[in-house]
Amino acid sequence: SMGTIRIASMIGALRLISTLIVITVVCAVDTSSIGAPFEQPSELSNNCTLSFGVVDYFGPSANFSTRSYNGLFPSPTIRAKAGDTLTVNMINTLKDIDNTVDHNSYQLPNSTNLHTHGLHVSAAGDSDNVFIEIDPGESLLYTIEI
């Protein structure tokens, strides 16, 4: 009874100490050589084409395939200023639509959309409409008045 409680408390304390040791060892790893240095993304003008597809990344500590724009990682930056008309031809080059049956999972990851944050622009039509889906093999010409 009392001896059992003390043993259980000691076992709990030993587990906590071993967990803290593991965390300390993991956190003490030198991470200065992990990852590639940041590369500035390429820049596009306010009349451009974005091609959405798969890009293969080969870095010093990881290799993977991901979705990106214009085959670049990181994806390009579009520069525009107030008063410009941003015209973007968005092309989805992915091959198929994922036929997801589970309704509680991420849906249609092969569709895409162009959406901005921080701009005071219209969501009407083909402007900054979050409900537009560009499925694989489709394209859409966006026109956004900034």
Protein backbone atom coordinates (compact mmCIF):
# COMPACT_ATOMS: atom_id res chain seq x y z
CA SER A 1 0.00 0.00 0.00
CA MET A 2 2.33 2.80 1.18
CA GLY A 3 5.35 0.99 -0.29
CA THR A 4 3.48 0.52 -3.58
CA ILE A 5 2.71 4.25 -3.79
CA ARG A 6 6.39 5.15 -3.20
CA ILE A 7 7.56 2.68 -5.88
CA ALA A 8 4.98 4.01 -8.35
CA SER A 9 6.05 7.58 -7.58
CA MET A 10 9.72 6.66 -8.06
CA ILE A 11 8.96 4.96 -11.40
CA GLY A 12 7.03 8.05 -12.54
CA ALA A 13 9.91 10.30 -11.49
CA LEU A 14 12.45 8.09 -13.33
CA ARG A 15 10.31 8.21 -16.49
CA LEU A 16 10.17 12.01 -16.25
CA ILE A 17 13.94 12.26 -15.75
CA SER A 18 14.65 9.92 -18.70
CA THR A 19 12.25 11.95 -20.87
CA LEU A 20 14.01 15.19 -19.92
CA ILE A 21 17.41 13.63 -20.74
CA VAL A 22 16.16 12.58 -24.18
CA ILE A 23 14.74 16.07 -24.82
CA THR A 24 18.02 17.67 -23.74
CA VAL A 25 20.05 15.41 -26.02
CA VAL A 26 17.76 16.04 -29.00
CA CYS A 27 17.79 19.80 -28.42
CA ALA A 28 21.59 19.86 -28.12
CA VAL A 29 22.11 18.69 -31.73
CA ASP A 30 23.99 21.19 -33.91
CA THR A 31 21.56 22.25 -36.63
CA SER A 32 23.79 24.78 -38.39
CA SER A 33 24.50 22.41 -41.28
CA ILE A 34 20.89 21.26 -41.78
CA GLY A 35 18.90 22.72 -44.66
CA ALA A 36 19.79 24.80 -47.66
CA PRO A 37 20.42 28.51 -47.43
CA PHE A 38 17.38 30.61 -48.28
CA GLU A 39 17.12 31.49 -51.95
CA GLN A 40 15.27 34.62 -52.98
CA PRO A 41 12.32 33.61 -55.16
CA SER A 42 12.30 34.75 -58.76
CA GLU A 43 10.05 37.70 -59.55
CA LEU A 44 7.27 37.96 -62.12
CA SER A 45 5.61 41.05 -63.52
CA ASN A 46 1.91 41.85 -63.18
CA ASN A 47 1.17 40.09 -66.51
CA CYS A 48 2.37 36.51 -66.10
CA THR A 49 1.72 32.79 -66.24
CA LEU A 50 1.76 30.48 -63.24
CA SER A 51 2.04 26.79 -64.00
CA PHE A 52 1.03 24.61 -61.03
CA GLY A 53 2.73 21.22 -60.93
CA VAL A 54 5.13 18.86 -59.21
CA VAL A 55 8.69 19.92 -58.52
CA ASP A 56 11.47 17.72 -57.12
CA TYR A 57 13.58 19.33 -54.40
CA PHE A 58 17.09 18.08 -53.70
CA GLY A 59 18.62 19.67 -50.62
CA PRO A 60 21.52 18.99 -48.29
CA SER A 61 19.36 17.21 -45.72
CA ALA A 62 16.18 16.22 -47.60
CA ASN A 63 14.90 15.26 -51.04
CA PHE A 64 11.20 15.34 -51.78
CA SER A 65 8.52 16.03 -54.37
CA THR A 66 6.05 18.82 -53.72
CA ARG A 67 3.60 21.04 -55.55
CA SER A 68 4.89 24.40 -56.67
CA TYR A 69 4.53 27.07 -59.35
CA ASN A 70 6.65 27.34 -62.53
CA GLY A 71 8.81 24.41 -61.43
CA LEU A 72 10.53 26.55 -58.79
CA PHE A 73 11.07 26.04 -55.08
CA PRO A 74 10.35 28.47 -53.55
CA SER A 75 7.65 29.63 -55.96
CA PRO A 76 8.00 33.02 -57.68
CA THR A 77 6.90 36.36 -56.24
CA ILE A 78 4.53 38.53 -58.29
CA ARG A 79 5.27 42.25 -57.98
CA ALA A 80 2.46 44.74 -58.58
CA LYS A 81 1.50 48.13 -57.19
CA ALA A 82 -1.67 50.09 -56.51
CA GLY A 83 -3.42 50.99 -59.76
CA ASP A 84 -2.01 47.97 -61.66
CA THR A 85 -4.14 45.33 -63.29
CA LEU A 86 -2.76 41.95 -62.33
CA THR A 87 -3.32 39.42 -65.12
CA VAL A 88 -2.31 35.86 -64.30
CA ASN A 89 -2.84 32.84 -66.54
CA MET A 90 -3.03 29.98 -64.01
CA ILE A 91 -2.39 26.54 -65.54
CA ASN A 92 -2.82 23.34 -63.54
CA THR A 93 -0.41 20.77 -65.04
CA LEU A 94 -1.15 18.02 -62.53
CA LYS A 95 -2.35 14.77 -64.07
CA ASP A 96 -5.51 13.67 -62.28
CA ILE A 97 -8.19 14.53 -59.76
CA ASP A 98 -7.84 12.56 -56.54
CA ASN A 99 -10.99 10.49 -56.03
CA THR A 100 -11.24 10.89 -52.28
CA VAL A 101 -14.00 8.84 -50.68
CA ASP A 102 -13.34 9.74 -47.03
CA HIS A 103 -15.29 12.95 -46.40
CA ASN A 104 -13.26 13.74 -43.26
CA SER A 105 -9.95 14.04 -45.09
CA TYR A 106 -8.21 16.66 -47.20
CA GLN A 107 -10.20 16.96 -50.43
CA LEU A 108 -9.01 17.38 -54.03
CA PRO A 109 -5.36 18.25 -53.38
CA ASN A 110 -4.68 18.40 -57.14
CA SER A 111 -6.94 21.41 -57.72
CA THR A 112 -5.59 24.93 -57.24
CA ASN A 113 -6.66 28.55 -56.98
CA LEU A 114 -5.12 32.02 -56.86
CA HIS A 115 -5.98 33.96 -53.72
CA THR A 116 -4.36 37.05 -52.23
CA HIS A 117 -4.03 38.31 -48.67
CA GLY A 118 -3.77 41.94 -47.62
CA LEU A 119 -4.97 43.46 -50.88
CA HIS A 120 -8.19 45.45 -51.09
CA VAL A 121 -9.50 43.75 -54.23
CA SER A 122 -12.83 42.37 -55.41
CA ALA A 123 -13.78 38.74 -54.95
CA ALA A 124 -16.27 38.93 -57.83
CA GLY A 125 -15.97 36.80 -60.96
CA ASP A 126 -12.47 35.60 -61.80
CA SER A 127 -10.76 38.11 -59.53
CA ASP A 128 -9.90 36.99 -55.96
CA ASN A 129 -12.62 34.34 -55.68
CA VAL A 130 -11.70 31.64 -53.15
CA PHE A 131 -14.40 29.32 -54.50
CA ILE A 132 -12.82 28.88 -57.93
CA GLU A 133 -11.19 25.48 -58.46
CA ILE A 134 -8.79 24.87 -61.31
CA ASP A 135 -8.74 21.12 -61.80
CA PRO A 136 -5.86 19.17 -63.39
CA GLY A 137 -5.44 20.00 -67.08
CA GLU A 138 -7.49 23.20 -66.78
CA SER A 139 -6.46 26.86 -66.77
CA LEU A 140 -8.02 30.20 -65.86
CA LEU A 141 -7.10 33.78 -66.70
CA TYR A 142 -7.34 35.92 -63.57
CA THR A 143 -7.76 39.69 -63.81
CA ILE A 144 -7.36 41.55 -60.52
CA GLU A 145 -7.60 45.34 -60.25
CA ILE A 146 -5.22 46.45 -57.51
